[in-house]
Amino acid sequence: MGGKELSDAERDQLLELCRQRLDAFREQRGEEVLGGDGLLGGVNT
């Protein structure tokens, strides 16, 4: 399943789940894992 096959609501849910997982990872491992502005600086909305 590609991103084009997802509805806007499904895409929003997926993004939220990804953000939650990243937040949990950062809490567990610390912000320094990504360093600087982070690897996903250009992806965050």
N, C-alpha and C. Protein backbone atom coordinates (compact mmCIF):
# COMPACT_ATOMS: atom_id res chain seq x y z
N MET A 1 0.86 -1.18 0.00
CA MET A 1 0.00 0.00 0.00
C MET A 1 0.90 1.23 0.00
N GLY A 2 0.68 2.10 -0.94
CA GLY A 2 1.45 3.33 -1.02
C GLY A 2 0.71 4.49 -0.39
N GLY A 3 1.40 5.59 -0.23
CA GLY A 3 0.81 6.77 0.38
C GLY A 3 -0.36 7.34 -0.39
N LYS A 4 -0.38 7.13 -1.70
CA LYS A 4 -1.46 7.65 -2.53
C LYS A 4 -2.76 6.89 -2.29
N GLU A 5 -2.67 5.70 -1.72
CA GLU A 5 -3.84 4.88 -1.48
C GLU A 5 -4.50 5.19 -0.14
N LEU A 6 -3.89 6.06 0.65
CA LEU A 6 -4.43 6.42 1.96
C LEU A 6 -5.31 7.66 1.85
N SER A 7 -6.38 7.67 2.63
CA SER A 7 -7.20 8.88 2.70
C SER A 7 -6.44 9.92 3.53
N ASP A 8 -6.90 11.14 3.49
CA ASP A 8 -6.27 12.19 4.30
C ASP A 8 -6.30 11.83 5.78
N ALA A 9 -7.42 11.29 6.24
CA ALA A 9 -7.56 10.91 7.66
C ALA A 9 -6.60 9.78 8.02
N GLU A 10 -6.46 8.80 7.14
CA GLU A 10 -5.54 7.69 7.39
C GLU A 10 -4.10 8.17 7.41
N ARG A 11 -3.76 9.08 6.50
CA ARG A 11 -2.41 9.63 6.45
C ARG A 11 -2.11 10.42 7.72
N ASP A 12 -3.10 11.20 8.20
CA ASP A 12 -2.93 11.95 9.44
C ASP A 12 -2.72 11.02 10.63
N GLN A 13 -3.47 9.92 10.66
CA GLN A 13 -3.33 8.94 11.74
C GLN A 13 -1.93 8.32 11.71
N LEU A 14 -1.47 7.98 10.52
CA LEU A 14 -0.15 7.38 10.38
C LEU A 14 0.95 8.34 10.83
N LEU A 15 0.84 9.60 10.43
CA LEU A 15 1.82 10.60 10.86
C LEU A 15 1.82 10.77 12.37
N GLU A 16 0.64 10.77 12.98
CA GLU A 16 0.55 10.90 14.43
C GLU A 16 1.19 9.71 15.12
N LEU A 17 0.95 8.50 14.62
CA LEU A 17 1.58 7.31 15.20
C LEU A 17 3.09 7.38 15.09
N CYS A 18 3.59 7.85 13.95
CA CYS A 18 5.04 8.00 13.77
C CYS A 18 5.61 9.01 14.75
N ARG A 19 4.92 10.12 14.93
CA ARG A 19 5.39 11.14 15.88
C ARG A 19 5.41 10.60 17.31
N GLN A 20 4.37 9.82 17.66
CA GLN A 20 4.32 9.23 18.99
C GLN A 20 5.49 8.27 19.21
N ARG A 21 5.79 7.46 18.20
CA ARG A 21 6.91 6.52 18.30
C ARG A 21 8.24 7.26 18.42
N LEU A 22 8.40 8.33 17.63
CA LEU A 22 9.62 9.13 17.72
C LEU A 22 9.76 9.78 19.09
N ASP A 23 8.66 10.31 19.61
CA ASP A 23 8.69 10.92 20.95
C ASP A 23 9.09 9.89 22.01
N ALA A 24 8.51 8.68 21.91
CA ALA A 24 8.84 7.63 22.87
C ALA A 24 10.31 7.24 22.75
N PHE A 25 10.81 7.15 21.52
CA PHE A 25 12.21 6.81 21.29
C PHE A 25 13.12 7.88 21.88
N ARG A 26 12.78 9.14 21.65
CA ARG A 26 13.60 10.23 22.18
C ARG A 26 13.60 10.23 23.70
N GLU A 27 12.47 9.95 24.32
CA GLU A 27 12.41 9.88 25.77
C GLU A 27 13.27 8.75 26.30
N GLN A 28 13.26 7.62 25.59
CA GLN A 28 14.03 6.46 26.02
C GLN A 28 15.53 6.65 25.78
N ARG A 29 15.89 7.16 24.62
CA ARG A 29 17.30 7.25 24.21
C ARG A 29 17.91 8.63 24.37
N GLY A 30 17.08 9.65 24.43
CA GLY A 30 17.59 11.00 24.56
C GLY A 30 17.64 11.72 23.22
N GLU A 31 17.46 13.03 23.28
CA GLU A 31 17.46 13.85 22.06
C GLU A 31 18.78 13.79 21.30
N GLU A 32 19.89 13.53 22.01
CA GLU A 32 21.19 13.56 21.34
C GLU A 32 21.34 12.49 20.27
N VAL A 33 20.46 11.50 20.26
CA VAL A 33 20.55 10.44 19.25
C VAL A 33 20.43 11.02 17.86
N LEU A 34 19.54 11.98 17.68
CA LEU A 34 19.35 12.58 16.36
C LEU A 34 20.35 13.69 16.11
N GLY A 35 20.84 14.32 17.15
CA GLY A 35 21.83 15.37 17.01
C GLY A 35 21.31 16.62 16.33
N GLY A 36 21.87 17.75 16.65
CA GLY A 36 21.54 19.02 16.00
C GLY A 36 20.05 19.26 15.93
N ASP A 37 19.59 19.59 14.73
CA ASP A 37 18.17 19.84 14.49
C ASP A 37 17.41 18.54 14.28
N GLY A 38 18.12 17.42 14.23
CA GLY A 38 17.47 16.13 14.01
C GLY A 38 17.49 15.73 12.55
N LEU A 39 17.45 14.46 12.34
CA LEU A 39 17.48 13.94 10.97
C LEU A 39 16.21 14.23 10.22
N LEU A 40 15.11 14.45 10.93
CA LEU A 40 13.83 14.64 10.28
C LEU A 40 13.40 16.10 10.25
N GLY A 41 14.35 17.01 10.42
CA GLY A 41 14.02 18.43 10.47
C GLY A 41 13.21 18.91 9.28
N GLY A 42 13.49 18.40 8.10
CA GLY A 42 12.76 18.84 6.92
C GLY A 42 11.43 18.14 6.74
N VAL A 43 11.18 17.09 7.52
CA VAL A 43 9.95 16.32 7.37
C VAL A 43 8.87 16.81 8.32
N ASN A 44 9.27 17.30 9.48
CA ASN A 44 8.30 17.73 10.47
C ASN A 44 7.42 18.84 9.94
N THR A 45 6.16 18.81 10.31
CA THR A 45 5.22 19.85 9.86
C THR A 45 4.80 20.71 11.00
